[in-house]
C-alpha atoms as a PDB file:
ATOM      1  CA  UNK A   1     -14.526  18.386  40.437  1.00  0.00           C
ATOM      2  CA  UNK A   2     -15.136  14.750  41.351  1.00  0.00           C
ATOM      3  CA  UNK A   3     -15.680  14.003  37.684  1.00  0.00           C
ATOM      4  CA  UNK A   4     -12.007  14.813  37.024  1.00  0.00           C
ATOM      5  CA  UNK A   5     -11.055  11.840  39.187  1.00  0.00           C
ATOM      6  CA  UNK A   6     -12.807   9.685  36.585  1.00  0.00           C
ATOM      7  CA  UNK A   7     -12.035  11.591  33.383  1.00  0.00           C
ATOM      8  CA  UNK A   8      -8.282  11.942  33.854  1.00  0.00           C
ATOM      9  CA  UNK A   9      -7.568   8.202  34.295  1.00  0.00           C
ATOM     10  CA  UNK A  10      -9.979   7.325  31.484  1.00  0.00           C
ATOM     11  CA  UNK A  11      -8.318   9.783  29.104  1.00  0.00           C
ATOM     12  CA  UNK A  12      -4.856   8.543  30.063  1.00  0.00           C
ATOM     13  CA  UNK A  13      -5.962   4.952  29.492  1.00  0.00           C
ATOM     14  CA  UNK A  14      -7.426   5.778  26.071  1.00  0.00           C
ATOM     15  CA  UNK A  15      -4.313   7.715  25.092  1.00  0.00           C
ATOM     16  CA  UNK A  16      -2.053   4.831  26.103  1.00  0.00           C
ATOM     17  CA  UNK A  17      -4.334   2.411  24.285  1.00  0.00           C
ATOM     18  CA  UNK A  18      -4.042   4.465  21.097  1.00  0.00           C
ATOM     19  CA  UNK A  19      -0.278   4.747  21.486  1.00  0.00           C
ATOM     20  CA  UNK A  20      -0.035   1.005  22.023  1.00  0.00           C
ATOM     21  CA  UNK A  21      -2.083   0.340  18.899  1.00  0.00           C
ATOM     22  CA  UNK A  22       0.173   2.650  16.897  1.00  0.00           C
ATOM     23  CA  UNK A  23       3.341   0.956  18.163  1.00  0.00           C
ATOM     24  CA  UNK A  24       1.812  -2.450  17.416  1.00  0.00           C
ATOM     25  CA  UNK A  25       1.092  -1.435  13.806  1.00  0.00           C
ATOM     26  CA  UNK A  26       4.649  -0.131  13.451  1.00  0.00           C
ATOM     27  CA  UNK A  27       6.100  -3.425  14.680  1.00  0.00           C
ATOM     28  CA  UNK A  28       3.852  -5.441  12.349  1.00  0.00           C
ATOM     29  CA  UNK A  29       5.156  -3.434   9.380  1.00  0.00           C
ATOM     30  CA  UNK A  30       1.780  -2.126   8.298  1.00  0.00           C
ATOM     31  CA  UNK A  31       3.309   1.141   7.045  1.00  0.00           C
ATOM     32  CA  UNK A  32       6.034  -0.518   4.963  1.00  0.00           C
ATOM     33  CA  UNK A  33       5.468  -0.363   1.223  1.00  0.00           C
ATOM     34  CA  UNK A  34       8.737  -1.273  -0.505  1.00  0.00           C
ATOM     35  CA  UNK A  35       7.184  -2.004  -3.911  1.00  0.00           C
ATOM     36  CA  UNK A  36       4.436   0.597  -3.870  1.00  0.00           C
ATOM     37  CA  UNK A  37       6.431   3.581  -5.117  1.00  0.00           C
ATOM     38  CA  UNK A  38       8.088   1.613  -7.893  1.00  0.00           C
ATOM     39  CA  UNK A  39       4.681   0.437  -9.110  1.00  0.00           C
ATOM     40  CA  UNK A  40       2.901   3.789  -8.728  1.00  0.00           C
ATOM     41  CA  UNK A  41       5.482   5.651 -10.817  1.00  0.00           C
ATOM     42  CA  UNK A  42       4.532   3.487 -13.808  1.00  0.00           C
ATOM     43  CA  UNK A  43       0.776   3.751 -13.272  1.00  0.00           C
ATOM     44  CA  UNK A  44      -1.027   6.379 -15.351  1.00  0.00           C
ATOM     45  CA  UNK A  45      -3.724   6.855 -12.708  1.00  0.00           C
ATOM     46  CA  UNK A  46      -1.234   8.857 -10.624  1.00  0.00           C
ATOM     47  CA  UNK A  47      -0.181  11.235 -13.400  1.00  0.00           C
ATOM     48  CA  UNK A  48       1.167  14.682 -12.482  1.00  0.00           C
ATOM     49  CA  UNK A  49      -0.740  16.263 -15.355  1.00  0.00           C
ATOM     50  CA  UNK A  50      -4.297  14.947 -15.223  1.00  0.00           C
ATOM     51  CA  UNK A  51      -6.551  15.279 -18.202  1.00  0.00           C
ATOM     52  CA  UNK A  52      -8.927  18.263 -18.036  1.00  0.00           C
ATOM     53  CA  UNK A  53     -12.497  17.578 -17.102  1.00  0.00           C
ATOM     54  CA  UNK A  54     -15.026  17.987 -19.932  1.00  0.00           C
ATOM     55  CA  UNK A  55     -17.090  21.138 -19.659  1.00  0.00           C
ATOM     56  CA  UNK A  56     -20.856  20.948 -19.448  1.00  0.00           C
ATOM     57  CA  UNK A  57     -22.582  23.110 -22.049  1.00  0.00           C
ATOM     58  CA  UNK A  58     -25.891  23.719 -20.281  1.00  0.00           C
END
């Protein structure tokens, strides 16, 4: 039971550290992609109907 006195604060610290890192990335705008969708819609690599894979005739 003494180990809980160590594990609970450590887990709370790591959780708050992860939350802080997430908030920091939000504030830095790392998830903003204003031009990405307009460029991806014109790119053929992201086609809704991909070409069928060639079959292997073994």
